Amino acid sequence: MVNELTHNTKTIVKVNKFEEKESLSKLNLSHIIVETENTALAMYDEAMKC
């Protein structure tokens, strides 16, 4: 169902752990950002510009 909802859309998901990112990796999400990464804010800003 998530793949159908996110098809042809920009979807950004913020998670707290790398394990959560791994479990979501097979979904049709544009960006999955791990909150604890130092680059999370920069990645979010870049994704919003596209």
N, C-alpha and C. Protein backbone atom coordinates (compact mmCIF):
# COMPACT_ATOMS: atom_id res chain seq x y z
N MET A 1 0.82 -1.19 0.00
CA MET A 1 0.00 0.00 0.00
C MET A 1 0.86 1.26 0.00
N VAL A 2 1.97 1.26 0.76
CA VAL A 2 2.85 2.43 0.80
C VAL A 2 3.43 2.69 -0.58
N ASN A 3 3.82 1.64 -1.30
CA ASN A 3 4.36 1.83 -2.64
C ASN A 3 3.35 2.51 -3.56
N GLU A 4 2.09 2.16 -3.44
CA GLU A 4 1.05 2.79 -4.26
C GLU A 4 0.87 4.26 -3.88
N LEU A 5 0.90 4.56 -2.61
CA LEU A 5 0.72 5.94 -2.15
C LEU A 5 1.89 6.84 -2.49
N THR A 6 3.09 6.27 -2.55
CA THR A 6 4.28 7.09 -2.76
C THR A 6 4.77 7.07 -4.21
N HIS A 7 4.07 6.39 -5.09
CA HIS A 7 4.48 6.32 -6.50
C HIS A 7 4.41 7.72 -7.12
N ASN A 8 5.49 8.14 -7.76
CA ASN A 8 5.60 9.46 -8.41
C ASN A 8 5.44 10.62 -7.44
N THR A 9 5.83 10.44 -6.20
CA THR A 9 5.81 11.53 -5.23
C THR A 9 7.17 11.61 -4.54
N LYS A 10 7.44 12.74 -3.95
CA LYS A 10 8.65 12.91 -3.16
C LYS A 10 8.29 12.62 -1.71
N THR A 11 8.86 11.57 -1.16
CA THR A 11 8.55 11.15 0.19
C THR A 11 9.82 11.12 1.02
N ILE A 12 9.81 11.85 2.12
CA ILE A 12 10.96 11.90 3.00
C ILE A 12 10.54 11.34 4.35
N VAL A 13 11.29 10.37 4.83
CA VAL A 13 10.99 9.74 6.11
C VAL A 13 12.20 9.88 7.02
N LYS A 14 11.96 10.33 8.24
CA LYS A 14 13.03 10.45 9.24
C LYS A 14 12.87 9.32 10.25
N VAL A 15 13.94 8.56 10.45
CA VAL A 15 13.92 7.47 11.42
C VAL A 15 15.00 7.71 12.47
N ASN A 16 14.95 6.94 13.54
CA ASN A 16 15.89 7.13 14.64
C ASN A 16 17.06 6.15 14.63
N LYS A 17 16.92 5.04 13.92
CA LYS A 17 17.96 4.01 13.93
C LYS A 17 18.22 3.49 12.53
N PHE A 18 19.45 3.06 12.29
CA PHE A 18 19.80 2.49 11.00
C PHE A 18 18.97 1.24 10.71
N GLU A 19 18.60 0.50 11.76
CA GLU A 19 17.78 -0.69 11.57
C GLU A 19 16.42 -0.34 10.99
N GLU A 20 15.86 0.79 11.42
CA GLU A 20 14.58 1.25 10.88
C GLU A 20 14.74 1.61 9.40
N LYS A 21 15.84 2.23 9.08
CA LYS A 21 16.10 2.58 7.68
C LYS A 21 16.16 1.32 6.82
N GLU A 22 16.85 0.32 7.32
CA GLU A 22 16.96 -0.95 6.59
C GLU A 22 15.58 -1.57 6.35
N SER A 23 14.71 -1.54 7.36
CA SER A 23 13.41 -2.16 7.22
C SER A 23 12.51 -1.41 6.25
N LEU A 24 12.77 -0.13 6.04
CA LEU A 24 11.97 0.68 5.10
C LEU A 24 12.58 0.74 3.71
N SER A 25 13.77 0.22 3.53
CA SER A 25 14.51 0.41 2.29
C SER A 25 13.82 -0.19 1.06
N LYS A 26 12.96 -1.17 1.23
CA LYS A 26 12.29 -1.78 0.07
C LYS A 26 11.03 -1.05 -0.35
N LEU A 27 10.63 -0.03 0.41
CA LEU A 27 9.46 0.77 0.04
C LEU A 27 9.86 1.83 -0.97
N ASN A 28 8.90 2.35 -1.65
CA ASN A 28 9.13 3.35 -2.69
C ASN A 28 9.23 4.75 -2.07
N LEU A 29 10.28 4.97 -1.25
CA LEU A 29 10.48 6.25 -0.59
C LEU A 29 11.65 6.98 -1.23
N SER A 30 11.50 8.27 -1.43
CA SER A 30 12.56 9.05 -2.06
C SER A 30 13.79 9.16 -1.18
N HIS A 31 13.58 9.46 0.08
CA HIS A 31 14.70 9.66 1.01
C HIS A 31 14.33 9.09 2.36
N ILE A 32 15.27 8.36 2.95
CA ILE A 32 15.12 7.89 4.33
C ILE A 32 16.31 8.45 5.09
N ILE A 33 16.04 9.31 6.05
CA ILE A 33 17.09 10.01 6.78
C ILE A 33 17.15 9.49 8.20
N VAL A 34 18.34 9.08 8.63
CA VAL A 34 18.53 8.65 10.01
C VAL A 34 18.84 9.89 10.83
N GLU A 35 18.04 10.15 11.83
CA GLU A 35 18.14 11.37 12.61
C GLU A 35 19.50 11.55 13.25
N THR A 36 20.17 10.48 13.60
CA THR A 36 21.43 10.61 14.32
C THR A 36 22.61 10.91 13.41
N GLU A 37 22.42 10.88 12.09
CA GLU A 37 23.52 11.19 11.18
C GLU A 37 23.80 12.69 11.22
N ASN A 38 25.07 13.06 11.14
CA ASN A 38 25.43 14.47 11.11
C ASN A 38 24.93 15.16 9.86
N THR A 39 24.73 14.41 8.80
CA THR A 39 24.33 15.00 7.53
C THR A 39 22.81 15.04 7.33
N ALA A 40 22.04 14.64 8.31
CA ALA A 40 20.59 14.55 8.14
C ALA A 40 19.96 15.88 7.73
N LEU A 41 20.33 16.96 8.37
CA LEU A 41 19.74 18.25 8.03
C LEU A 41 20.14 18.69 6.62
N ALA A 42 21.39 18.48 6.25
CA ALA A 42 21.84 18.85 4.91
C ALA A 42 21.13 18.03 3.85
N MET A 43 20.93 16.75 4.11
CA MET A 43 20.23 15.89 3.16
C MET A 43 18.77 16.32 3.01
N TYR A 44 18.15 16.67 4.12
CA TYR A 44 16.76 17.13 4.09
C TYR A 44 16.65 18.41 3.26
N ASP A 45 17.53 19.37 3.52
CA ASP A 45 17.51 20.63 2.78
C ASP A 45 17.68 20.39 1.28
N GLU A 46 18.61 19.52 0.92
CA GLU A 46 18.86 19.21 -0.49
C GLU A 46 17.65 18.54 -1.12
N ALA A 47 17.03 17.63 -0.41
CA ALA A 47 15.87 16.92 -0.93
C ALA A 47 14.70 17.88 -1.17
N MET A 48 14.54 18.86 -0.31
CA MET A 48 13.43 19.80 -0.45
C MET A 48 13.64 20.76 -1.62
N LYS A 49 14.89 20.96 -2.05
CA LYS A 49 15.17 21.85 -3.19
C LYS A 49 14.83 21.22 -4.52
N CYS A 50 14.89 19.90 -4.60
CA CYS A 50 14.67 19.18 -5.86
C CYS A 50 13.24 19.29 -6.32
